[in-house]
Protein backbone atom coordinates (compact mmCIF):
# COMPACT_ATOMS: atom_id res chain seq x y z
CA MET A 1 -3.03 -12.76 -34.28
CA GLY A 2 -1.24 -9.47 -34.70
CA ILE A 3 -2.14 -5.89 -33.69
CA SER A 4 -5.65 -4.93 -33.39
CA PHE A 5 -6.97 -1.42 -33.07
CA ARG A 6 -10.68 -0.50 -31.23
CA LYS A 7 -11.89 2.52 -29.65
CA ILE A 8 -11.29 2.93 -25.53
CA GLU A 9 -13.78 1.08 -23.38
CA GLU A 10 -14.30 1.30 -19.87
CA ARG A 11 -12.49 -2.04 -18.56
CA ASP A 12 -9.35 -0.15 -20.19
CA ASN A 13 -9.47 2.60 -17.96
CA LYS A 14 -6.81 1.36 -15.36
CA GLU A 15 -4.16 -0.03 -17.59
CA LEU A 16 -3.81 2.86 -19.89
CA ALA A 17 -3.21 5.17 -16.96
CA ASP A 18 -0.90 3.07 -15.44
CA LEU A 19 1.09 3.19 -18.90
CA ILE A 20 0.86 6.65 -19.50
CA ARG A 21 2.43 7.07 -16.22
CA VAL A 22 5.42 4.58 -16.97
CA ILE A 23 6.32 6.37 -20.14
CA PHE A 24 5.91 9.53 -18.15
CA ARG A 25 8.66 8.48 -15.54
CA GLU A 26 11.24 6.58 -18.46
CA PHE A 27 11.47 10.30 -19.99
CA LYS A 28 11.24 12.15 -16.53
CA ILE A 29 8.77 14.44 -17.65
CA ASP A 30 6.27 12.72 -14.56
CA LYS A 31 5.77 16.71 -12.97
CA PRO A 32 2.78 18.89 -12.46
CA GLY A 33 1.25 20.41 -15.50
CA THR A 34 1.12 17.31 -17.17
CA VAL A 35 -1.27 14.32 -17.81
CA TYR A 36 0.52 12.78 -15.14
CA THR A 37 -1.16 14.36 -12.38
CA ASP A 38 -4.19 15.05 -14.35
CA PRO A 39 -7.19 13.50 -12.65
CA THR A 40 -8.96 12.84 -15.87
CA THR A 41 -6.00 10.19 -16.67
CA ASP A 42 -7.61 7.68 -14.70
CA HIS A 43 -11.12 8.04 -16.24
CA LEU A 44 -10.32 8.07 -20.15
CA SER A 45 -13.13 6.27 -21.15
CA GLU A 46 -15.26 8.90 -19.60
CA VAL A 47 -13.26 11.72 -21.24
CA PHE A 48 -13.94 10.35 -24.81
CA LYS A 49 -17.52 9.93 -24.54
CA ARG A 50 -17.33 13.57 -25.72
CA GLU A 51 -19.27 14.66 -29.10
CA GLY A 52 -16.47 14.70 -31.76
CA SER A 53 -13.89 12.91 -29.96
CA VAL A 54 -12.30 9.58 -30.25
CA TYR A 55 -9.58 7.42 -28.62
CA TRP A 56 -7.89 4.36 -30.43
CA LEU A 57 -5.75 1.86 -28.56
CA ALA A 58 -3.53 -0.94 -30.09
CA GLU A 59 -3.28 -3.94 -28.82
CA GLU A 60 -1.89 -7.49 -29.44
CA ASN A 61 -2.70 -10.35 -27.88
CA GLY A 62 -4.84 -8.76 -25.10
CA ILE A 63 -1.83 -6.37 -23.95
CA LEU A 64 -2.16 -2.73 -24.65
CA LEU A 65 0.65 -1.34 -26.78
CA GLY A 66 -0.96 2.46 -26.65
CA GLY A 67 -3.55 4.95 -27.72
CA CYS A 68 -4.05 8.11 -29.30
CA GLY A 69 -7.09 10.44 -29.86
CA ILE A 70 -8.63 13.71 -30.43
CA PHE A 71 -10.40 15.85 -28.08
CA PRO A 72 -12.06 19.31 -28.94
CA THR A 73 -10.22 21.09 -26.21
CA GLU A 74 -12.11 24.30 -24.92
CA GLY A 75 -10.64 27.43 -26.29
CA LEU A 76 -9.55 26.28 -29.90
CA PRO A 77 -10.17 28.29 -32.98
CA GLU A 78 -12.95 26.86 -34.71
CA GLY A 79 -12.78 23.73 -37.06
CA CYS A 80 -9.46 22.52 -34.82
CA VAL A 81 -9.38 19.63 -32.55
CA GLU A 82 -6.20 18.44 -30.46
CA LEU A 83 -4.20 15.33 -31.02
CA VAL A 84 -3.98 14.21 -27.02
CA LYS A 85 -2.69 11.37 -25.10
CA PHE A 86 -0.78 9.84 -27.48
CA TYR A 87 1.62 7.11 -25.81
CA VAL A 88 3.35 4.01 -27.46
CA SER A 89 5.02 1.54 -24.91
CA ALA A 90 9.02 1.06 -24.74
CA ALA A 91 8.21 -2.50 -26.27
CA ALA A 92 6.27 -1.54 -29.43
CA ARG A 93 8.00 1.62 -30.53
CA GLY A 94 9.42 1.55 -33.71
CA LYS A 95 7.23 -1.00 -35.03
CA GLY A 96 4.44 1.27 -36.59
CA VAL A 97 2.27 1.33 -33.66
CA GLY A 98 2.48 4.91 -33.21
CA LYS A 99 2.05 5.74 -37.18
CA ALA A 100 -0.98 3.71 -37.34
CA LEU A 101 -2.36 5.12 -34.23
CA MET A 102 -1.94 8.56 -35.47
CA GLN A 103 -3.22 7.69 -38.88
CA LYS A 104 -6.59 6.83 -37.15
CA SER A 105 -6.48 10.21 -35.27
CA ILE A 106 -6.35 12.30 -38.39
CA GLU A 107 -8.78 10.38 -40.22
CA SER A 108 -11.61 10.50 -37.15
CA ALA A 109 -10.31 14.18 -37.39
CA GLN A 110 -11.35 14.51 -41.09
CA HIS A 111 -14.47 12.42 -40.49
CA PHE A 112 -16.11 14.66 -37.65
CA GLY A 113 -15.16 17.65 -40.12
CA TYR A 114 -12.18 19.57 -38.76
CA ASN A 115 -9.49 21.16 -41.11
CA GLU A 116 -6.93 21.59 -38.48
CA ILE A 117 -5.05 19.53 -35.53
CA TYR A 118 -3.46 21.19 -32.52
CA LEU A 119 -0.55 19.36 -30.49
CA GLU A 120 1.51 19.83 -27.10
CA SER A 121 4.38 18.11 -26.60
CA PHE A 122 7.80 17.87 -24.80
CA PRO A 123 11.28 18.14 -25.87
CA GLU A 124 12.24 15.24 -24.42
CA LEU A 125 9.75 13.52 -26.41
CA GLU A 126 11.96 14.23 -29.19
CA THR A 127 11.21 11.03 -31.59
CA ALA A 128 7.87 11.83 -31.71
CA VAL A 129 8.20 15.52 -32.58
CA SER A 130 10.11 14.18 -35.54
CA MET A 131 7.01 12.04 -36.40
CA TYR A 132 4.93 14.75 -35.78
CA GLU A 133 7.14 17.15 -38.28
CA LYS A 134 7.26 14.41 -40.91
CA ILE A 135 3.34 14.25 -41.22
CA GLY A 136 3.38 17.84 -41.79
CA PHE A 137 2.85 19.46 -38.20
CA LYS A 138 4.57 22.58 -37.97
CA LYS A 139 5.91 24.23 -35.04
CA LEU A 140 4.00 27.34 -32.99
CA ASN A 141 5.62 30.18 -30.90
CA ALA A 142 2.17 29.59 -28.01
CA PRO A 143 -0.14 27.25 -27.19
CA LEU A 144 -3.80 27.29 -28.11
CA GLY A 145 -6.47 26.70 -26.19
CA ASN A 146 -7.02 25.79 -22.43
CA SER A 147 -5.57 22.14 -22.07
CA GLY A 148 -4.16 22.81 -18.47
CA HIS A 149 -1.05 21.14 -19.24
CA PHE A 150 1.11 24.25 -18.71
CA ALA A 151 4.36 22.14 -18.44
CA CYS A 152 4.44 21.31 -22.39
CA ASN A 153 6.72 23.58 -24.34
CA VAL A 154 6.29 22.34 -27.62
CA TRP A 155 3.14 23.05 -29.26
CA MET A 156 2.40 22.12 -33.07
CA LEU A 157 -0.48 22.62 -35.70
CA LEU A 158 -1.24 20.34 -38.65
CA VAL A 159 -3.99 21.54 -41.65
CA LEU A 160 -5.74 18.82 -42.81
């Protein structure tokens, strides 16, 4: 059947929250000031009902492989959206799943009329950071907007 992509639904909330927390423990970034402790992590289908946002999931044979979305985070400059909650399970890494999820999110940002995409990450996620750079994201010296994720210390911007 292969890998399929679809938008988040309420039934995905628990499985997605569990996947995110497993990945945070795997990279030892399960600390306050991240989505690990963010209460919205358990209700992501609600979060992405907001106008100008979307969250994509990848699955294979009913098994969740990962997700990625865009969200108009408060405090970002006009025309800028945040790439958020980009996670791929350990078993699905290196198979192009993450790249496809990111591409869907970038296309969604363009569809909504955004002209910049911002993201926050960690040096521990160096594979992801190098993928962002290959796509054209540039590192910033300080955060943009008010994500509330004060533990993140890598900030990047892509001009579309």
